[in-house]
Every structure is written in C-alpha cells, then in structure tokens.
Protein backbone atom coordinates (compact mmCIF):
# COMPACT_ATOMS: atom_id res chain seq x y z
CA MET A 1 0.00 0.00 0.00
CA ARG A 2 1.21 3.49 -0.87
CA CYS A 3 1.84 5.75 2.14
CA ILE A 4 1.44 9.51 2.59
CA THR A 5 2.65 11.36 5.69
CA LEU A 6 0.85 14.65 6.27
CA ALA A 7 2.64 17.64 7.78
CA PRO A 8 1.01 18.99 10.99
CA ASP A 9 -0.79 21.83 9.20
CA GLN A 10 -1.32 20.03 5.88
CA LYS A 11 -4.75 19.19 4.53
CA PHE A 12 -5.41 15.95 2.70
CA GLU A 13 -6.36 16.66 -0.92
CA SER A 14 -8.50 14.62 -3.28
CA SER A 15 -5.62 14.69 -5.79
CA PHE A 16 -3.75 12.30 -3.47
CA ILE A 17 -6.27 9.57 -4.34
CA ASN A 18 -5.75 7.27 -7.29
CA ARG A 19 -9.48 6.92 -7.96
CA THR A 20 -10.79 4.93 -10.91
CA GLY A 21 -13.99 6.04 -12.61
CA ALA A 22 -17.08 3.87 -12.92
CA PHE A 23 -16.28 3.26 -16.59
CA ASN A 24 -13.83 4.22 -19.31
CA ALA A 25 -14.16 5.35 -22.92
CA GLN A 26 -13.91 1.80 -24.21
CA ALA A 27 -16.73 0.62 -21.94
CA LEU A 28 -18.89 3.58 -22.96
CA LYS A 29 -18.38 2.89 -26.66
CA ALA A 30 -19.14 -0.83 -26.26
CA ALA A 31 -22.20 -0.12 -24.10
CA THR A 32 -23.50 2.42 -26.63
CA ASP A 33 -23.36 -0.15 -29.42
CA ILE A 34 -25.09 -2.79 -27.29
CA VAL A 35 -27.83 -0.46 -26.02
CA GLU A 36 -28.65 0.73 -29.53
CA ASP A 37 -28.69 -2.86 -30.83
CA VAL A 38 -31.14 -3.93 -28.11
CA ARG A 39 -33.36 -0.92 -28.79
CA GLU A 40 -33.51 -1.89 -32.45
CA ARG A 41 -33.55 -5.70 -32.43
CA LYS A 42 -34.89 -6.41 -28.91
CA ASP A 43 -34.98 -10.12 -27.97
CA ALA A 44 -32.81 -11.18 -30.91
CA ALA A 45 -30.05 -8.87 -29.69
CA LEU A 46 -30.35 -10.21 -26.12
CA TYR A 47 -29.87 -13.79 -27.28
CA GLU A 48 -26.90 -12.90 -29.47
CA TRP A 49 -25.08 -10.75 -26.91
CA THR A 50 -25.61 -13.39 -24.20
CA GLU A 51 -24.05 -16.03 -26.42
CA LYS A 52 -21.20 -13.73 -27.43
CA LEU A 53 -20.34 -12.31 -24.00
CA ASP A 54 -21.43 -15.05 -21.57
CA GLY A 55 -20.86 -18.08 -23.79
CA VAL A 56 -24.39 -19.33 -23.12
CA THR A 57 -26.95 -20.19 -25.78
CA LEU A 58 -30.41 -19.50 -24.37
CA THR A 59 -33.72 -20.85 -25.62
CA SER A 60 -35.76 -18.52 -23.40
CA LEU A 61 -35.11 -15.47 -21.25
CA ARG A 62 -37.59 -15.72 -18.39
CA VAL A 63 -36.94 -18.15 -15.55
CA PRO A 64 -40.00 -20.41 -15.15
CA GLN A 65 -41.91 -20.16 -11.88
CA GLU A 66 -41.38 -23.86 -11.11
CA VAL A 67 -37.61 -23.34 -11.29
CA ILE A 68 -37.89 -20.41 -8.86
CA ASP A 69 -40.11 -22.42 -6.51
CA GLY A 70 -37.62 -25.29 -6.54
CA ALA A 71 -34.56 -23.13 -5.92
CA GLU A 72 -34.64 -23.42 -2.12
CA ALA A 73 -34.06 -27.18 -2.32
CA ARG A 74 -30.86 -26.55 -4.29
CA VAL A 75 -29.40 -24.15 -1.71
CA ALA A 76 -27.48 -25.28 1.37
CA PRO A 77 -29.74 -25.16 4.46
CA GLU A 78 -27.38 -22.83 6.33
CA THR A 79 -27.48 -20.40 3.38
CA VAL A 80 -31.28 -20.58 3.30
CA ASP A 81 -31.44 -19.75 7.01
CA ALA A 82 -28.89 -16.94 6.61
CA LEU A 83 -30.81 -15.35 3.73
CA ARG A 84 -34.07 -15.53 5.69
CA HIS A 85 -32.38 -13.90 8.69
CA ALA A 86 -30.88 -11.17 6.51
CA ALA A 87 -34.16 -10.55 4.68
CA LYS A 88 -36.04 -10.05 7.94
CA GLN A 89 -33.57 -7.52 9.31
CA ILE A 90 -33.28 -5.66 6.00
CA ARG A 91 -37.07 -5.45 5.76
CA ASP A 92 -37.39 -4.29 9.39
CA PHE A 93 -34.89 -1.48 8.79
CA HIS A 94 -36.45 -0.30 5.54
CA GLU A 95 -39.99 -0.36 6.96
CA ARG A 96 -38.87 2.54 9.14
CA GLN A 97 -38.08 4.61 6.04
CA LYS A 98 -41.63 4.62 4.69
CA GLN A 99 -43.23 8.02 4.31
CA GLN A 100 -46.91 8.93 4.24
CA SER A 101 -48.69 11.49 2.13
CA TRP A 102 -49.26 14.71 4.03
CA PHE A 103 -51.35 17.87 3.79
CA PHE A 104 -51.22 21.23 5.54
CA ALA A 105 -54.03 23.80 5.69
CA ARG A 106 -53.01 27.45 5.96
CA GLU A 107 -55.06 29.98 7.89
CA ASP A 108 -56.28 31.54 4.61
CA GLY A 109 -57.73 28.20 3.49
CA ALA A 110 -55.00 27.13 1.08
CA ILE A 111 -54.09 23.45 1.22
CA VAL A 112 -50.61 22.26 0.29
CA GLY A 113 -49.06 18.86 0.64
CA ALA A 114 -47.45 15.87 -1.01
CA LYS A 115 -48.86 12.58 -2.23
CA VAL A 116 -46.40 9.71 -1.83
CA ALA A 117 -46.93 6.78 -4.20
CA PRO A 118 -44.81 3.78 -5.21
CA LEU A 119 -43.34 3.43 -8.67
CA GLU A 120 -45.28 1.04 -10.87
CA SER A 121 -42.19 -1.04 -11.68
CA ALA A 122 -38.51 -1.41 -10.86
CA GLY A 123 -35.66 -3.37 -12.43
CA ILE A 124 -32.98 -4.91 -10.21
CA TYR A 125 -29.60 -5.70 -11.75
CA VAL A 126 -27.72 -8.50 -9.96
CA PRO A 127 -24.13 -9.05 -11.12
CA GLY A 128 -22.47 -12.35 -11.96
CA GLY A 129 -18.81 -12.74 -12.83
CA ARG A 130 -16.24 -12.99 -10.03
CA ALA A 131 -18.83 -13.74 -7.34
CA LEU A 132 -22.52 -14.44 -6.82
CA TYR A 133 -24.60 -11.88 -4.96
CA PRO A 134 -27.93 -13.00 -3.46
CA SER A 135 -27.34 -10.20 -0.94
CA THR A 136 -27.69 -7.70 -3.80
CA VAL A 137 -31.15 -9.09 -4.51
CA LEU A 138 -32.24 -8.52 -0.92
CA MET A 139 -30.74 -5.03 -0.69
CA ASN A 140 -32.42 -3.81 -3.89
CA ALA A 141 -35.70 -5.70 -4.06
CA ILE A 142 -36.76 -5.44 -0.41
CA PRO A 143 -36.81 -1.59 -0.37
CA ALA A 144 -38.86 -1.72 -3.58
CA SER A 145 -41.24 -4.21 -2.00
CA VAL A 146 -41.56 -2.13 1.17
CA ALA A 147 -42.29 0.94 -0.97
CA GLY A 148 -45.18 -0.94 -2.59
CA VAL A 149 -43.78 -1.44 -6.10
CA GLU A 150 -46.06 -4.00 -7.74
CA ARG A 151 -43.73 -5.24 -10.50
CA ILE A 152 -40.14 -5.96 -9.45
CA VAL A 153 -37.97 -7.41 -12.21
CA CYS A 154 -34.58 -9.05 -11.68
CA VAL A 155 -32.02 -9.44 -14.47
CA THR A 156 -28.86 -11.43 -13.86
CA PRO A 157 -26.32 -13.21 -16.09
CA PRO A 158 -26.93 -16.93 -16.67
CA ALA A 159 -24.63 -19.70 -15.50
CA LYS A 160 -23.42 -22.24 -18.04
CA ASP A 161 -26.68 -24.22 -17.63
CA GLY A 162 -28.62 -21.15 -18.72
CA LEU A 163 -30.07 -20.42 -15.26
CA PRO A 164 -29.09 -18.04 -12.46
CA ASP A 165 -27.54 -19.26 -9.23
CA ALA A 166 -30.12 -21.04 -7.05
CA ALA A 167 -29.40 -18.75 -4.07
CA ILE A 168 -30.16 -15.72 -6.24
CA LEU A 169 -33.46 -17.28 -7.28
CA PHE A 170 -34.34 -18.06 -3.65
CA ALA A 171 -33.42 -14.51 -2.60
CA CYS A 172 -35.69 -13.18 -5.36
CA LYS A 173 -38.61 -15.16 -3.97
CA LEU A 174 -37.88 -13.96 -0.42
CA ALA A 175 -37.68 -10.33 -1.52
CA GLY A 176 -40.85 -10.19 -3.60
CA VAL A 177 -39.38 -10.21 -7.11
CA SER A 178 -42.12 -10.92 -9.65
CA GLU A 179 -40.07 -11.63 -12.81
CA ILE A 180 -36.55 -13.01 -13.32
CA TYR A 181 -34.64 -12.96 -16.62
CA THR A 182 -31.32 -14.61 -17.47
CA VAL A 183 -29.62 -11.70 -19.14
CA GLY A 184 -26.77 -9.53 -17.89
CA GLY A 185 -24.44 -6.74 -18.93
CA ALA A 186 -25.29 -3.60 -20.85
CA GLN A 187 -27.87 -5.57 -22.84
CA ALA A 188 -29.90 -6.23 -19.66
CA ILE A 189 -29.91 -2.52 -18.78
CA ALA A 190 -31.13 -1.66 -22.29
CA ALA A 191 -33.90 -4.26 -22.06
CA LEU A 192 -35.12 -2.85 -18.73
CA ALA A 193 -35.01 0.69 -20.06
CA TYR A 194 -36.64 0.25 -23.47
CA GLY A 195 -38.32 -3.15 -23.37
CA THR A 196 -38.24 -6.10 -25.73
CA GLN A 197 -40.80 -8.64 -26.89
CA THR A 198 -40.22 -10.57 -23.64
CA ILE A 199 -39.20 -7.94 -21.10
CA ALA A 200 -41.49 -4.97 -20.53
CA PRO A 201 -39.72 -1.71 -19.62
CA VAL A 202 -39.50 -0.51 -16.02
CA ALA A 203 -39.70 2.91 -14.39
CA LYS A 204 -36.37 2.68 -12.55
CA ILE A 205 -33.22 0.54 -12.59
CA THR A 206 -31.10 -0.11 -9.51
CA GLY A 207 -28.21 -2.38 -8.65
CA PRO A 208 -24.43 -2.49 -9.18
CA GLY A 209 -22.48 -3.93 -12.10
CA ASN A 210 -19.23 -3.80 -14.02
CA ALA A 211 -17.97 -0.90 -16.14
CA TYR A 212 -20.26 -1.84 -19.05
CA VAL A 213 -23.31 -1.94 -16.81
CA ALA A 214 -22.36 1.44 -15.30
CA ALA A 215 -21.90 2.92 -18.76
CA ALA A 216 -25.24 1.55 -19.92
CA LYS A 217 -26.99 3.04 -16.88
CA LYS A 218 -25.51 6.43 -17.76
CA LEU A 219 -26.72 6.05 -21.36
CA VAL A 220 -30.32 5.21 -20.43
CA SER A 221 -30.58 7.67 -17.54
CA GLY A 222 -33.30 10.18 -18.29
CA ASP A 223 -35.26 7.71 -20.38
CA VAL A 224 -35.58 5.65 -17.20
CA GLY A 225 -34.71 6.36 -13.59
CA ILE A 226 -31.50 4.97 -12.11
CA ASP A 227 -30.21 4.82 -8.55
CA MET A 228 -26.58 5.77 -9.16
CA ILE A 229 -23.62 5.02 -11.42
CA ALA A 230 -21.57 2.91 -9.07
CA GLY A 231 -17.81 2.74 -9.36
CA PRO A 232 -15.40 0.32 -7.65
CA SER A 233 -16.13 -0.48 -4.02
CA GLU A 234 -14.05 1.17 -1.29
CA VAL A 235 -13.36 1.23 2.44
CA CYS A 236 -11.60 3.68 4.71
CA VAL A 237 -10.44 2.50 8.14
CA VAL A 238 -9.48 5.01 10.81
CA ALA A 239 -7.43 3.27 13.52
CA ASP A 240 -5.71 4.59 16.64
CA GLU A 241 -3.24 2.82 18.92
CA THR A 242 -6.06 0.91 20.65
CA ALA A 243 -7.01 -0.91 17.44
CA ASP A 244 -5.99 -4.52 16.81
CA PRO A 245 -3.87 -4.46 13.62
CA THR A 246 -4.97 -7.97 12.66
CA LEU A 247 -8.62 -6.87 12.63
CA VAL A 248 -7.80 -3.75 10.63
CA ALA A 249 -5.83 -5.86 8.16
CA ILE A 250 -8.60 -8.39 7.54
CA ASP A 251 -11.18 -5.61 7.16
CA LEU A 252 -9.05 -3.92 4.51
CA MET A 253 -8.71 -7.24 2.72
CA ALA A 254 -12.46 -7.83 2.92
CA GLN A 255 -12.85 -4.85 0.61
CA ALA A 256 -9.83 -5.56 -1.56
CA GLU A 257 -11.04 -9.06 -2.44
CA HIS A 258 -14.07 -7.65 -4.31
CA ASP A 259 -12.16 -6.40 -7.31
CA PRO A 260 -8.65 -5.35 -8.38
CA LEU A 261 -10.04 -1.82 -8.68
CA ALA A 262 -11.50 -1.79 -5.14
CA ALA A 263 -9.91 0.96 -3.04
CA CYS A 264 -8.67 0.56 0.55
CA TYR A 265 -7.61 3.50 2.72
CA LEU A 266 -6.01 3.30 6.16
CA VAL A 267 -5.94 6.54 8.17
CA THR A 268 -3.77 6.24 11.26
CA PHE A 269 -1.30 8.15 13.39
CA ASN A 270 2.15 6.56 13.37
CA GLU A 271 4.31 4.67 10.96
CA SER A 272 5.03 1.73 13.27
CA TYR A 273 1.32 0.97 13.61
CA ALA A 274 0.87 1.17 9.84
CA GLN A 275 3.74 -1.31 9.51
CA GLU A 276 2.01 -3.69 11.94
CA VAL A 277 -1.10 -3.60 9.78
CA GLN A 278 0.92 -4.33 6.65
CA GLU A 279 2.60 -7.27 8.37
CA ALA A 280 -0.81 -8.59 9.43
CA ILE A 281 -2.00 -8.29 5.82
CA ALA A 282 0.99 -10.32 4.66
CA SER A 283 0.11 -13.00 7.18
CA TRP A 284 -3.56 -13.10 6.14
CA MET A 285 -2.56 -13.24 2.47
CA THR A 286 -1.11 -16.71 2.96
CA ARG A 287 -4.62 -17.95 3.82
CA THR A 288 -6.94 -16.12 1.42
CA THR A 289 -8.55 -17.90 -1.52
CA ARG A 290 -8.61 -14.63 -3.49
CA ALA A 291 -4.96 -13.63 -3.19
CA GLU A 292 -4.46 -12.35 -6.74
CA ILE A 293 -7.46 -9.99 -6.69
CA THR A 294 -6.75 -8.84 -3.13
CA GLN A 295 -3.07 -8.14 -3.75
CA ALA A 296 -3.80 -6.22 -6.96
CA SER A 297 -6.28 -4.00 -5.13
CA LEU A 298 -3.94 -3.29 -2.23
CA ASP A 299 -0.93 -2.65 -4.49
CA ASP A 300 -2.69 -0.44 -7.04
CA GLN A 301 -5.48 1.23 -5.06
CA GLY A 302 -4.35 0.94 -1.43
CA LEU A 303 -3.35 4.08 0.49
CA ILE A 304 -2.11 4.71 4.02
CA VAL A 305 -2.42 8.27 5.36
CA LEU A 306 -0.41 9.15 8.46
CA CYS A 307 -2.04 12.00 10.39
CA ASN A 308 -0.91 14.10 13.32
CA SER A 309 -4.27 14.57 15.03
CA MET A 310 -7.83 13.31 15.03
CA GLU A 311 -8.93 16.60 13.47
CA GLN A 312 -6.59 15.96 10.55
CA ALA A 313 -7.90 12.39 10.29
CA VAL A 314 -11.50 13.65 10.12
CA GLN A 315 -10.57 16.15 7.40
CA THR A 316 -8.94 13.31 5.48
CA VAL A 317 -12.04 11.13 5.77
CA ASN A 318 -14.36 13.93 4.68
CA THR A 319 -12.17 14.57 1.64
CA ILE A 320 -12.05 10.89 0.68
CA ALA A 321 -15.84 10.61 1.24
CA PRO A 322 -15.61 6.80 1.34
CA GLU A 323 -18.34 4.32 0.53
CA HIS A 324 -17.63 2.44 3.77
CA LEU A 325 -15.98 3.99 6.83
CA GLU A 326 -14.77 1.88 9.76
CA LEU A 327 -13.78 3.65 12.97
CA HIS A 328 -11.46 1.40 14.99
CA LEU A 329 -11.22 3.92 17.81
CA ALA A 330 -11.57 3.85 21.58
CA HIS A 331 -14.51 6.27 21.47
CA ALA A 332 -15.81 5.84 17.93
CA MET A 333 -19.32 7.18 18.59
CA ASP A 334 -17.87 10.53 19.68
CA LEU A 335 -16.57 11.09 16.16
CA VAL A 336 -19.83 10.46 14.26
CA GLY A 337 -20.95 14.08 14.43
CA SER A 338 -17.74 15.22 12.73
CA ILE A 339 -18.07 12.86 9.77
CA ARG A 340 -19.87 14.68 6.98
CA ASN A 341 -19.10 12.44 4.01
CA ALA A 342 -19.45 8.65 4.15
CA GLY A 343 -21.90 6.16 2.72
CA ALA A 344 -22.03 4.03 5.87
CA ILE A 345 -20.16 4.26 9.16
CA PHE A 346 -19.14 1.16 11.14
CA LEU A 347 -18.32 1.87 14.78
CA GLY A 348 -15.77 -0.06 16.81
CA GLU A 349 -13.80 -3.26 16.39
CA TRP A 350 -16.88 -5.48 16.70
CA THR A 351 -18.49 -3.99 13.61
CA PRO A 352 -16.76 -5.22 10.46
CA GLU A 353 -18.09 -3.97 7.16
CA ALA A 354 -19.40 -7.47 6.45
CA VAL A 355 -22.29 -6.96 8.90
CA GLY A 356 -23.53 -4.12 6.73
CA ASP A 357 -22.97 -6.08 3.54
CA TYR A 358 -25.31 -8.84 4.64
CA VAL A 359 -27.50 -8.74 7.72
CA ALA A 360 -27.45 -5.55 9.83
CA GLY A 361 -30.37 -4.03 7.92
CA PRO A 362 -29.13 -0.74 6.41
CA ASN A 363 -28.66 -0.92 2.67
CA HIS A 364 -25.31 -1.99 1.23
CA THR A 365 -25.88 -0.12 -2.04
CA LEU A 366 -23.85 2.97 -1.19
CA PRO A 367 -22.36 6.02 -2.95
CA THR A 368 -18.88 5.34 -4.36
CA GLY A 369 -16.07 7.39 -5.89
CA GLY A 370 -16.44 10.33 -3.51
CA THR A 371 -20.14 10.82 -4.30
CA ALA A 372 -20.92 10.44 -0.58
CA ILE A 373 -20.31 14.20 -0.56
CA TYR A 374 -23.86 14.55 -1.91
CA ALA A 375 -25.39 11.07 -2.29
CA SER A 376 -27.06 8.65 0.13
CA PRO A 377 -27.51 4.88 0.44
CA LEU A 378 -30.26 3.15 -1.53
CA SER A 379 -33.53 3.43 0.36
CA VAL A 380 -37.29 3.13 0.10
CA ASP A 381 -37.27 6.72 -1.21
CA GLU A 382 -35.69 5.46 -4.47
CA PHE A 383 -38.87 3.51 -5.21
CA VAL A 384 -41.51 6.16 -4.56
CA LYS A 385 -42.39 9.40 -6.24
CA LYS A 386 -43.88 12.45 -4.61
CA THR A 387 -46.55 14.62 -6.18
CA SER A 388 -47.17 18.12 -4.85
CA ILE A 389 -50.79 18.97 -4.01
CA ILE A 390 -51.97 22.60 -4.03
CA GLN A 391 -55.48 24.00 -3.57
CA TYR A 392 -56.14 27.74 -3.11
CA THR A 393 -59.24 29.57 -1.95
CA PRO A 394 -60.08 33.07 -3.22
CA LYS A 395 -58.76 34.46 0.06
CA ALA A 396 -55.50 32.51 -0.27
CA LEU A 397 -54.92 33.69 -3.84
CA GLU A 398 -55.63 37.26 -2.78
CA THR A 399 -53.02 36.88 -0.03
CA ASP A 400 -50.30 35.86 -2.49
CA ALA A 401 -51.44 37.67 -5.64
CA GLN A 402 -49.17 40.71 -5.48
CA ALA A 403 -46.07 38.60 -4.80
CA ILE A 404 -46.89 36.22 -7.67
CA MET A 405 -47.49 39.03 -10.14
CA ALA A 406 -44.37 40.95 -9.08
CA ILE A 407 -42.10 37.95 -9.63
CA ALA A 408 -43.78 36.98 -12.90
CA ARG A 409 -43.46 40.49 -14.30
CA HIS A 410 -39.81 40.66 -13.27
CA GLU A 411 -39.23 37.41 -15.17
CA GLY A 412 -41.06 38.77 -18.21
CA LEU A 413 -43.81 36.14 -18.09
CA TRP A 414 -46.94 38.10 -18.97
CA ALA A 415 -49.44 35.22 -18.90
CA HIS A 416 -48.22 34.07 -15.50
CA ALA A 417 -49.04 37.46 -14.02
CA GLU A 418 -52.26 37.81 -16.02
CA SER A 419 -53.56 34.41 -14.84
CA VAL A 420 -53.60 35.85 -11.32
CA ALA A 421 -54.69 39.36 -12.26
CA VAL A 422 -57.79 38.13 -14.11
CA ARG A 423 -58.85 36.15 -11.05
CA MET A 424 -58.39 39.20 -8.84
CA ASN A 425 -60.59 41.16 -11.23
CA LEU A 426 -63.24 38.43 -11.09
CA LEU A 427 -63.07 38.51 -7.30
CA ASP A 428 -63.52 42.30 -7.30
CA GLU A 429 -66.47 42.04 -9.70
CA THR A 430 -68.12 39.36 -7.55
CA ARG A 431 -67.72 41.46 -4.45
CA ALA A 432 -69.12 44.51 -6.24
CA SER A 433 -72.10 42.52 -7.48
CA LEU A 434 -72.80 41.07 -4.07
CA GLY A 435 -72.47 44.51 -2.52
CA ALA A 436 -75.00 46.02 -5.02
CA ASN A 437 -77.49 43.22 -4.39
CA VAL A 438 -77.17 43.64 -0.68
CA GLY A 439 -77.81 47.39 -1.09
CA ALA A 440 -80.89 46.76 -3.26
CA MET A 441 -82.28 44.37 -0.70
CA HIS A 442 -81.88 46.97 2.02
CA GLU A 443 -83.71 49.53 -0.06
C-alpha cells in the first residue's frame, strides 16, 4: 500500500487519491453499441449478446416459476437460514423509512401537501462474474417491495446451464421479485429501459455492475430512472493505537477481495502501527482464496495516510468521502458528528463492514467514488415518487397575488401574471355585485 505522511498543518487533498472512474471510454463505446442494438432488435439482440459475452446459448429469457419455486431445495440449508435472517432484518430497517402522504391547511384556506406513491415497476440488476450476490437481490428488491412497487424485475447473467444461481433465485422469492430474466451486462440494462418482446420496460433501474453496466446506466438515464452510477467499491479504516492491527488488516482485505479496482484507505497516526497492519495483511494473504485480486487492489489502489491529530484524520475522511468507513477507535461514537461524508459508518472493532454487507439491515448499495459528498444509500425513497398537491381559496390567492405578479413580471412572463390578475378582477367584480345586491335588498 502506498503511504502519505501529512505535515502537521497540511490538509489531505483529493488529488492524493488514485481513484478509478465507474467506466472508461472503451466501456462507454461498447455499451453504446449494445444499447442501440437492443433498442432496435430487442430479444434477438439479447440472445446474441448473451451467447457472445457469456458463452451461453439461451432458448428462453424468463426463468420459469417452477424453477424459482424449486430453488430453495438446491441451496445449502445454512445459506437458506442466513438469507431468511438477513431478509427479515433488511425489511425491518427499511420499513422505518416509509413516508406517508401529508397535507397542511393554511389559515387563509390554502391546502398544500405531497402525495407519496410507489413506482409502478422497478428493475434490479444482480451481477455475476467474479462472485454471486444474493445479498444484492435482498438489498435492492426489499426496499422496492416495502415501498409498494407491484412489479419488481430481476435481471442477472446466466450460468453455463442457462439459469441463475439457485441462491439468487431463492433470494428473489424472499424479496418479492415478480419476474426473473437470465440476461446480464449492458444488454440487460437496455432491455429494462426500453423493453423487448419478452421484457417490458420498467420505471427505474437499480443495482451495481461492471464498467459496461455502469456505462449503460448512464446512457439510459433520463429515459428511465437509475439509482446511481456505481464505481469500484471502497473502504476507509481510521485506527488509533487501541485498534488490533490484525482486525484492521482483515477488514481492509475484505474490501480488496471484491475487485482489483477496489480501493482501501487506512488513516492512522504513526508509521510503526501502519507497519504492523501491513505485516498482518501479509500473514492473512497466505490464507486467502482470493490472493491475486486482493493483492492487486492493495498494491494499485491501497493508500495509508499518516495523520498528526484526530482533526486531521477527520478532514482526510471527509475529503475521501468513502463508501464504507470503519472507525477502529476507543470512542468511535464521539466522532460520528464530525463525519460529513461517508456512505455508511461502522463503529468499533466489533463492527466489520461485512455486517452491513449482509444482515445488519441498512442498505449496502452505497455512494462510491467520492459521491458520498452529496449522495445517500439506496432506500425506500428510491422507489416512490412524490406529487405536490396545491389547492387555493379566493382568500388565499388574494393573499399571495401581489407577490406572484411581481415575480412573474420581473421574469417577463406576462401570462403568469395575467392568470392571477384576471382572477383578482373576477373577485372584485363578484364582491361589487354582491355589494349592489345587498344594497338593493336593504332599499
């Protein structure tokens, strides 16, 4: 891992980070060609790209219901129990995020508010490739289910037998997925966005993927909703002298083993401690089953930052804005208020990032690449839309009329101002008429 030692008054700068984007020019070009092909040729393009890129010749795209129903029997019992346990805790957490429609009545009779309604459909992308991710199904589909989305579609690359992993199928059933298709990559994103003969389009696409999937999501964004364009995964560990270097080392490796592009940052306070962590990593490396990927990540994307104070460490963290932040500190909770930019914060040595990846409940789909500066984890909010409700009375419009007309006239929008002015004239005429009638009655 590369090491930077900060001077006492030096600020950590984003230029110190060797960050890799979500996709490159080559991925964007390839994704553009695939997306356009799927838009034009639909199912035929899906079959051809699946055979070309995944080496699988499909005879159908949709996974039959009987295959989904039989998936549990093909999954190890301990995995079944673990997925059920995770699904319950993820659902419990996301139930607390639900929002209700609301209305507010002003004293002048105007009513304003918001109607909260679920999206009609959502598409969940579940990656294949280096690993299998039933946890991704739970983290994306359960918030959609809690939000009330009626049609939840999962797309995932096929295995060599033409079907998805059985654990992914079982997770889909647990999470409330209504349709599953064996198609992955940029072609799957295009199918969800624009539809084919077999796959109807969805309102929003969520879920992580490789550079081609990320590029495809960027291409279709605007024609369909997306959650985010996720780049390589990352973790930042802040550790003081009380932290066990072997725990810090294995937690860094837990991120590095995802992908050679995964980024690992260690923020600590003295060189000897950093060396202890590196020695612990070397020891763990003799036991990992993913040594090549892990080592590539640590060598190419790993960074140690040596700070002089906790204030400097916090500034470093807020500049990195990591996807995952672990605080291996004696009083970790005391620091939470100072952390402005992080996708998820894990407090203390008993809280490895893996608890958040799988079972704690909060979503593991988090902002990457420094986007935690402005972005949030995936939530129920991603699967609802809010519609503003406004109803004015004559009195309410009269209250606001002059302000509306003044702003509209300043902006040069004549009809905006006139739409209010004509109503004020009508109100004046009505009052005058009522006043005349009242006078006549008195006479």
